[in-house]
């Protein structure tokens, strides 16, 4: 939780937490969701731990305006898909799509805040347990887990 708060302060400093309009507020909540998904993907790469819950569950307590969500996701959704006939599936697809659209800016902000991919890797590696030092070897990860996690960060930075 302290890592999420820390990241949120970086997003705020970058102007990514606006609530000036319903569209801005919805984007802000989707960025929080994107932060959670990025962290979950990192944990899977580094520790093999899957912390993923369905996206609709993760967004349940966030105020995500359905119309604003539709506006954000509409240009990126595949309109010929079967999920368009099911309201739940459409909502889930819109959440996933809109969050994916916003992930790169969240990731870019974190890369900048932690002074590059290595800095972000080191900081995210210290989120499990209570590590007050910079010794990444104490986090219980394997070499392959470290390489996978660093590759994950670098691929997100490039993509």
C-alpha atoms as a PDB file:
ATOM      1  CA  UNK A   1       0.000   0.000   0.000  1.00  0.00           C
ATOM      2  CA  UNK A   2       2.862   2.394   0.723  1.00  0.00           C
ATOM      3  CA  UNK A   3       4.202   1.740  -2.771  1.00  0.00           C
ATOM      4  CA  UNK A   4       0.804   2.609  -4.275  1.00  0.00           C
ATOM      5  CA  UNK A   5       0.677   5.851  -2.260  1.00  0.00           C
ATOM      6  CA  UNK A   6       4.212   6.673  -3.324  1.00  0.00           C
ATOM      7  CA  UNK A   7       3.357   6.044  -6.975  1.00  0.00           C
ATOM      8  CA  UNK A   8       0.185   8.081  -6.661  1.00  0.00           C
ATOM      9  CA  UNK A   9       2.221  11.086  -5.500  1.00  0.00           C
ATOM     10  CA  UNK A  10       4.356  10.733  -8.649  1.00  0.00           C
ATOM     11  CA  UNK A  11       1.244  10.542 -10.832  1.00  0.00           C
ATOM     12  CA  UNK A  12      -0.157  13.627  -9.099  1.00  0.00           C
ATOM     13  CA  UNK A  13       3.097  15.529  -9.641  1.00  0.00           C
ATOM     14  CA  UNK A  14       2.867  14.639 -13.342  1.00  0.00           C
ATOM     15  CA  UNK A  15      -0.706  15.973 -13.541  1.00  0.00           C
ATOM     16  CA  UNK A  16      -2.280  12.538 -14.030  1.00  0.00           C
ATOM     17  CA  UNK A  17      -4.757  12.669 -11.138  1.00  0.00           C
ATOM     18  CA  UNK A  18      -7.093  15.455 -12.240  1.00  0.00           C
ATOM     19  CA  UNK A  19     -10.731  15.482 -11.242  1.00  0.00           C
ATOM     20  CA  UNK A  20     -11.674  18.688 -13.095  1.00  0.00           C
ATOM     21  CA  UNK A  21     -14.374  16.916 -15.126  1.00  0.00           C
ATOM     22  CA  UNK A  22     -16.147  13.582 -15.104  1.00  0.00           C
ATOM     23  CA  UNK A  23     -13.936  12.480 -17.998  1.00  0.00           C
ATOM     24  CA  UNK A  24     -10.776  13.502 -16.098  1.00  0.00           C
ATOM     25  CA  UNK A  25     -11.976  11.779 -12.921  1.00  0.00           C
ATOM     26  CA  UNK A  26     -12.720   8.597 -14.847  1.00  0.00           C
ATOM     27  CA  UNK A  27      -9.266   8.661 -16.456  1.00  0.00           C
ATOM     28  CA  UNK A  28      -7.749   9.192 -13.001  1.00  0.00           C
ATOM     29  CA  UNK A  29      -9.531   6.151 -11.602  1.00  0.00           C
ATOM     30  CA  UNK A  30      -8.528   4.112 -14.641  1.00  0.00           C
ATOM     31  CA  UNK A  31      -4.903   5.143 -14.025  1.00  0.00           C
ATOM     32  CA  UNK A  32      -5.185   3.770 -10.496  1.00  0.00           C
ATOM     33  CA  UNK A  33      -6.457   0.546 -12.000  1.00  0.00           C
ATOM     34  CA  UNK A  34      -3.576   0.596 -14.508  1.00  0.00           C
ATOM     35  CA  UNK A  35      -1.096   1.017 -11.646  1.00  0.00           C
ATOM     36  CA  UNK A  36      -2.564  -2.041  -9.930  1.00  0.00           C
ATOM     37  CA  UNK A  37      -2.375  -4.090 -13.129  1.00  0.00           C
ATOM     38  CA  UNK A  38       1.231  -3.035 -13.807  1.00  0.00           C
ATOM     39  CA  UNK A  39       2.187  -4.079 -10.291  1.00  0.00           C
ATOM     40  CA  UNK A  40       0.407  -7.415 -10.693  1.00  0.00           C
ATOM     41  CA  UNK A  41       2.222  -8.085 -13.975  1.00  0.00           C
ATOM     42  CA  UNK A  42       5.553  -7.258 -12.309  1.00  0.00           C
ATOM     43  CA  UNK A  43       4.820  -9.630  -9.392  1.00  0.00           C
ATOM     44  CA  UNK A  44       3.976 -12.405 -11.814  1.00  0.00           C
ATOM     45  CA  UNK A  45       7.237 -11.861 -13.719  1.00  0.00           C
ATOM     46  CA  UNK A  46       9.446 -11.575 -10.631  1.00  0.00           C
ATOM     47  CA  UNK A  47       7.940 -13.924  -8.085  1.00  0.00           C
ATOM     48  CA  UNK A  48       5.554 -16.023 -10.145  1.00  0.00           C
ATOM     49  CA  UNK A  49       2.744 -14.776  -7.899  1.00  0.00           C
ATOM     50  CA  UNK A  50      -0.516 -14.073  -9.611  1.00  0.00           C
ATOM     51  CA  UNK A  51      -2.418 -11.374  -7.770  1.00  0.00           C
ATOM     52  CA  UNK A  52      -4.891 -10.859 -10.568  1.00  0.00           C
ATOM     53  CA  UNK A  53      -8.552 -10.510  -9.852  1.00  0.00           C
ATOM     54  CA  UNK A  54     -11.086  -9.882 -12.603  1.00  0.00           C
ATOM     55  CA  UNK A  55     -10.833  -6.302 -13.824  1.00  0.00           C
ATOM     56  CA  UNK A  56     -14.478  -5.626 -13.020  1.00  0.00           C
ATOM     57  CA  UNK A  57     -13.786  -6.667  -9.399  1.00  0.00           C
ATOM     58  CA  UNK A  58     -10.745  -4.383  -9.187  1.00  0.00           C
ATOM     59  CA  UNK A  59     -12.801  -1.463 -10.491  1.00  0.00           C
ATOM     60  CA  UNK A  60     -15.833  -2.206  -8.327  1.00  0.00           C
ATOM     61  CA  UNK A  61     -15.192   0.442  -5.650  1.00  0.00           C
ATOM     62  CA  UNK A  62     -13.889   3.067  -8.061  1.00  0.00           C
ATOM     63  CA  UNK A  63     -16.294   5.578  -9.491  1.00  0.00           C
ATOM     64  CA  UNK A  64     -15.965   4.941 -13.203  1.00  0.00           C
ATOM     65  CA  UNK A  65     -18.630   6.768 -15.125  1.00  0.00           C
ATOM     66  CA  UNK A  66     -20.004   4.406 -17.802  1.00  0.00           C
ATOM     67  CA  UNK A  67     -20.404   7.152 -20.414  1.00  0.00           C
ATOM     68  CA  UNK A  68     -16.892   8.508 -19.828  1.00  0.00           C
ATOM     69  CA  UNK A  69     -15.548   4.941 -19.915  1.00  0.00           C
ATOM     70  CA  UNK A  70     -17.277   4.414 -23.259  1.00  0.00           C
ATOM     71  CA  UNK A  71     -15.782   7.617 -24.644  1.00  0.00           C
ATOM     72  CA  UNK A  72     -12.267   6.641 -23.554  1.00  0.00           C
ATOM     73  CA  UNK A  73     -12.502   3.049 -24.815  1.00  0.00           C
ATOM     74  CA  UNK A  74     -14.668   3.504 -27.906  1.00  0.00           C
ATOM     75  CA  UNK A  75     -11.891   4.261 -30.371  1.00  0.00           C
ATOM     76  CA  UNK A  76     -10.019   1.107 -29.371  1.00  0.00           C
ATOM     77  CA  UNK A  77     -12.726  -1.547 -28.947  1.00  0.00           C
ATOM     78  CA  UNK A  78     -13.257  -4.130 -31.638  1.00  0.00           C
ATOM     79  CA  UNK A  79     -16.834  -3.394 -32.681  1.00  0.00           C
ATOM     80  CA  UNK A  80     -17.538  -6.737 -34.342  1.00  0.00           C
ATOM     81  CA  UNK A  81     -17.042  -8.814 -31.198  1.00  0.00           C
ATOM     82  CA  UNK A  82     -19.714 -10.946 -29.544  1.00  0.00           C
ATOM     83  CA  UNK A  83     -19.327  -9.152 -26.198  1.00  0.00           C
ATOM     84  CA  UNK A  84     -21.253  -6.195 -27.589  1.00  0.00           C
ATOM     85  CA  UNK A  85     -24.504  -8.099 -26.986  1.00  0.00           C
ATOM     86  CA  UNK A  86     -23.775  -8.660 -23.278  1.00  0.00           C
ATOM     87  CA  UNK A  87     -23.660  -5.593 -20.992  1.00  0.00           C
ATOM     88  CA  UNK A  88     -21.304  -7.227 -18.456  1.00  0.00           C
ATOM     89  CA  UNK A  89     -18.854  -8.379 -21.125  1.00  0.00           C
ATOM     90  CA  UNK A  90     -18.980  -4.986 -22.823  1.00  0.00           C
ATOM     91  CA  UNK A  91     -18.221  -3.240 -19.520  1.00  0.00           C
ATOM     92  CA  UNK A  92     -15.336  -5.627 -18.838  1.00  0.00           C
ATOM     93  CA  UNK A  93     -13.953  -5.112 -22.360  1.00  0.00           C
ATOM     94  CA  UNK A  94     -14.252  -1.331 -22.029  1.00  0.00           C
ATOM     95  CA  UNK A  95     -12.449  -1.390 -18.658  1.00  0.00           C
ATOM     96  CA  UNK A  96      -9.640  -3.549 -20.055  1.00  0.00           C
ATOM     97  CA  UNK A  97      -9.316  -1.481 -23.196  1.00  0.00           C
ATOM     98  CA  UNK A  98      -9.367   1.911 -21.486  1.00  0.00           C
ATOM     99  CA  UNK A  99      -6.892   0.738 -18.849  1.00  0.00           C
ATOM    100  CA  UNK A 100      -4.566  -0.636 -21.531  1.00  0.00           C
ATOM    101  CA  UNK A 101      -4.743   2.723 -23.312  1.00  0.00           C
ATOM    102  CA  UNK A 102      -3.662   4.537 -20.132  1.00  0.00           C
ATOM    103  CA  UNK A 103      -1.010   2.047 -18.926  1.00  0.00           C
ATOM    104  CA  UNK A 104       1.812   3.494 -21.071  1.00  0.00           C
ATOM    105  CA  UNK A 105       1.507   6.976 -19.551  1.00  0.00           C
ATOM    106  CA  UNK A 106       1.381   5.531 -16.025  1.00  0.00           C
ATOM    107  CA  UNK A 107       4.397   3.375 -16.766  1.00  0.00           C
ATOM    108  CA  UNK A 108       6.270   6.288 -18.340  1.00  0.00           C
ATOM    109  CA  UNK A 109       5.585   8.400 -15.251  1.00  0.00           C
ATOM    110  CA  UNK A 110       6.974   5.663 -12.995  1.00  0.00           C
ATOM    111  CA  UNK A 111      10.078   5.203 -15.151  1.00  0.00           C
ATOM    112  CA  UNK A 112      10.715   8.933 -14.916  1.00  0.00           C
ATOM    113  CA  UNK A 113       9.994   9.112 -11.172  1.00  0.00           C
ATOM    114  CA  UNK A 114      12.371   6.259 -10.364  1.00  0.00           C
ATOM    115  CA  UNK A 115      15.048   7.501 -12.769  1.00  0.00           C
ATOM    116  CA  UNK A 116      14.866   4.699 -15.291  1.00  0.00           C
ATOM    117  CA  UNK A 117      14.082   1.040 -15.633  1.00  0.00           C
ATOM    118  CA  UNK A 118      16.662  -0.142 -13.079  1.00  0.00           C
ATOM    119  CA  UNK A 119      15.397   2.307 -10.473  1.00  0.00           C
ATOM    120  CA  UNK A 120      11.807   1.197 -10.987  1.00  0.00           C
ATOM    121  CA  UNK A 121      12.861  -2.469 -10.907  1.00  0.00           C
ATOM    122  CA  UNK A 122      14.738  -1.954  -7.635  1.00  0.00           C
ATOM    123  CA  UNK A 123      11.845  -0.080  -6.032  1.00  0.00           C
ATOM    124  CA  UNK A 124       9.207  -2.585  -7.125  1.00  0.00           C
ATOM    125  CA  UNK A 125      11.440  -5.434  -5.955  1.00  0.00           C
ATOM    126  CA  UNK A 126      11.380  -4.005  -2.442  1.00  0.00           C
ATOM    127  CA  UNK A 127       7.575  -4.010  -2.192  1.00  0.00           C
ATOM    128  CA  UNK A 128       7.352  -7.532  -0.831  1.00  0.00           C
ATOM    129  CA  UNK A 129       8.321  -7.693   2.814  1.00  0.00           C
ATOM    130  CA  UNK A 130       9.768  -4.783   4.726  1.00  0.00           C
ATOM    131  CA  UNK A 131      13.061  -3.897   3.104  1.00  0.00           C
ATOM    132  CA  UNK A 132      14.784  -0.728   4.203  1.00  0.00           C
ATOM    133  CA  UNK A 133      17.951  -1.359   2.255  1.00  0.00           C
ATOM    134  CA  UNK A 134      18.751  -1.593  -1.433  1.00  0.00           C
ATOM    135  CA  UNK A 135      19.806  -5.247  -1.342  1.00  0.00           C
ATOM    136  CA  UNK A 136      17.574  -6.847  -3.969  1.00  0.00           C
ATOM    137  CA  UNK A 137      19.044 -10.254  -3.194  1.00  0.00           C
ATOM    138  CA  UNK A 138      17.111 -10.321   0.086  1.00  0.00           C
ATOM    139  CA  UNK A 139      13.686 -10.395  -1.583  1.00  0.00           C
ATOM    140  CA  UNK A 140      13.658 -14.132  -2.239  1.00  0.00           C
ATOM    141  CA  UNK A 141      13.571 -13.824  -6.019  1.00  0.00           C
ATOM    142  CA  UNK A 142      15.434 -16.120  -8.342  1.00  0.00           C
ATOM    143  CA  UNK A 143      17.853 -14.937 -10.996  1.00  0.00           C
ATOM    144  CA  UNK A 144      15.383 -15.931 -13.697  1.00  0.00           C
ATOM    145  CA  UNK A 145      12.618 -14.082 -11.834  1.00  0.00           C
ATOM    146  CA  UNK A 146      14.797 -10.987 -11.644  1.00  0.00           C
ATOM    147  CA  UNK A 147      15.563 -11.227 -15.357  1.00  0.00           C
ATOM    148  CA  UNK A 148      11.901 -11.747 -16.222  1.00  0.00           C
ATOM    149  CA  UNK A 149      10.852  -8.777 -14.079  1.00  0.00           C
ATOM    150  CA  UNK A 150      13.536  -6.506 -15.536  1.00  0.00           C
ATOM    151  CA  UNK A 151      12.582  -7.666 -19.049  1.00  0.00           C
ATOM    152  CA  UNK A 152       8.960  -6.859 -18.233  1.00  0.00           C
ATOM    153  CA  UNK A 153       9.902  -3.308 -17.230  1.00  0.00           C
ATOM    154  CA  UNK A 154      12.144  -2.809 -20.232  1.00  0.00           C
ATOM    155  CA  UNK A 155       9.532  -4.123 -22.672  1.00  0.00           C
ATOM    156  CA  UNK A 156       6.918  -1.764 -21.211  1.00  0.00           C
ATOM    157  CA  UNK A 157       9.359   1.118 -21.490  1.00  0.00           C
ATOM    158  CA  UNK A 158      10.027   0.359 -25.150  1.00  0.00           C
ATOM    159  CA  UNK A 159       6.399  -0.396 -26.004  1.00  0.00           C
END
